[in-house]
Every structure is written in structure tokens, then in C-alpha cells.
Protein backbone atom coordinates (compact mmCIF):
# COMPACT_ATOMS: atom_id res chain seq x y z
CA UNK A 1 -22.26 -9.97 18.38
CA UNK A 2 -20.59 -11.59 15.83
CA UNK A 3 -17.87 -9.87 14.21
CA UNK A 4 -19.56 -9.57 10.54
CA UNK A 5 -23.08 -8.52 12.65
CA UNK A 6 -23.99 -5.09 11.43
CA UNK A 7 -23.86 -2.63 14.13
CA UNK A 8 -25.78 0.39 13.43
CA UNK A 9 -24.04 3.03 15.49
CA UNK A 10 -26.71 6.12 15.14
CA UNK A 11 -29.53 3.41 16.16
CA UNK A 12 -27.52 2.41 19.04
CA UNK A 13 -27.20 5.88 20.70
CA UNK A 14 -30.35 7.14 19.06
CA UNK A 15 -29.01 10.06 17.15
CA UNK A 16 -29.03 11.18 13.83
CA UNK A 17 -26.67 10.91 11.27
CA UNK A 18 -25.89 14.54 11.27
CA UNK A 19 -25.73 14.37 14.89
CA UNK A 20 -22.38 16.98 16.16
CA UNK A 21 -19.61 15.38 18.18
CA UNK A 22 -21.38 17.18 21.53
CA UNK A 23 -24.44 15.11 20.82
CA UNK A 24 -22.74 12.02 20.39
CA UNK A 25 -20.83 12.56 23.55
CA UNK A 26 -24.07 13.17 25.89
CA UNK A 27 -26.13 10.65 24.45
CA UNK A 28 -22.66 8.06 24.73
CA UNK A 29 -22.63 9.19 28.53
CA UNK A 30 -26.19 8.75 29.04
CA UNK A 31 -26.37 5.15 27.70
CA UNK A 32 -22.53 4.28 29.51
CA UNK A 33 -24.00 5.04 32.79
CA UNK A 34 -27.36 3.18 32.00
CA UNK A 35 -25.45 0.27 31.02
CA UNK A 36 -21.89 0.53 32.93
CA UNK A 37 -21.44 -3.42 34.65
CA UNK A 38 -21.01 -1.07 38.19
CA UNK A 39 -24.75 -0.02 37.36
CA UNK A 40 -26.35 -2.69 39.97
CA UNK A 41 -30.22 -2.06 38.50
CA UNK A 42 -29.47 -1.66 35.21
CA UNK A 43 -25.77 -2.69 34.23
CA UNK A 44 -25.49 -4.59 31.38
CA UNK A 45 -21.75 -5.40 30.27
CA UNK A 46 -22.61 -6.59 26.44
CA UNK A 47 -24.65 -3.55 25.71
CA UNK A 48 -22.27 -1.07 27.62
CA UNK A 49 -19.39 -2.89 25.35
CA UNK A 50 -21.65 -2.54 22.01
CA UNK A 51 -22.72 1.24 22.91
CA UNK A 52 -18.91 1.51 23.70
CA UNK A 53 -17.79 0.32 20.03
CA UNK A 54 -20.36 2.45 18.53
CA UNK A 55 -19.17 5.59 20.23
CA UNK A 56 -15.02 4.85 19.13
CA UNK A 57 -16.75 4.12 15.82
CA UNK A 58 -18.69 7.75 15.72
CA UNK A 59 -15.78 10.04 17.54
CA UNK A 60 -13.38 8.59 14.56
CA UNK A 61 -13.74 10.71 11.52
CA UNK A 62 -12.11 8.13 9.26
CA UNK A 63 -14.31 5.30 10.91
CA UNK A 64 -17.67 7.61 10.76
CA UNK A 65 -17.21 7.96 7.14
CA UNK A 66 -16.87 4.57 6.51
CA UNK A 67 -20.33 4.20 8.33
CA UNK A 68 -21.94 7.10 6.41
């Protein structure tokens, strides 16, 4: 993905912009397990990296405020 390309973190994690930290963590863990490169059936390194970036953005209050 290009660095300048907008990534909708909420859409990626399938959560509301009003989601609390517990929901963010729960959905990230679900998708991380699904796309983790060690998962032989559904592993996808590029999608995992994008999910990780979205998670890191939403768990940081400053970055999350910029996205909202």
C-alpha cells in the first residue's frame, strides 16, 4: 500500500468510530489470528500488516483523534 493512501482503520477492523478500547482489542485479535502469516489456511502478511497499523493507530489517543 502506498504511504499516501488513506486507510480507514475503523472499516478495516469493522468497528464504529465510537468503539471502546476493549472492542478495538477484541476485533484486532480476531483479524490478527485470521491473517497472521503463521496461519496456513488464511494467513496473509500484507493484510496482517495493515491490520497491525490500524490497531496501532486506534490504540494511540493522539493518532485516533487525528483520524476522527
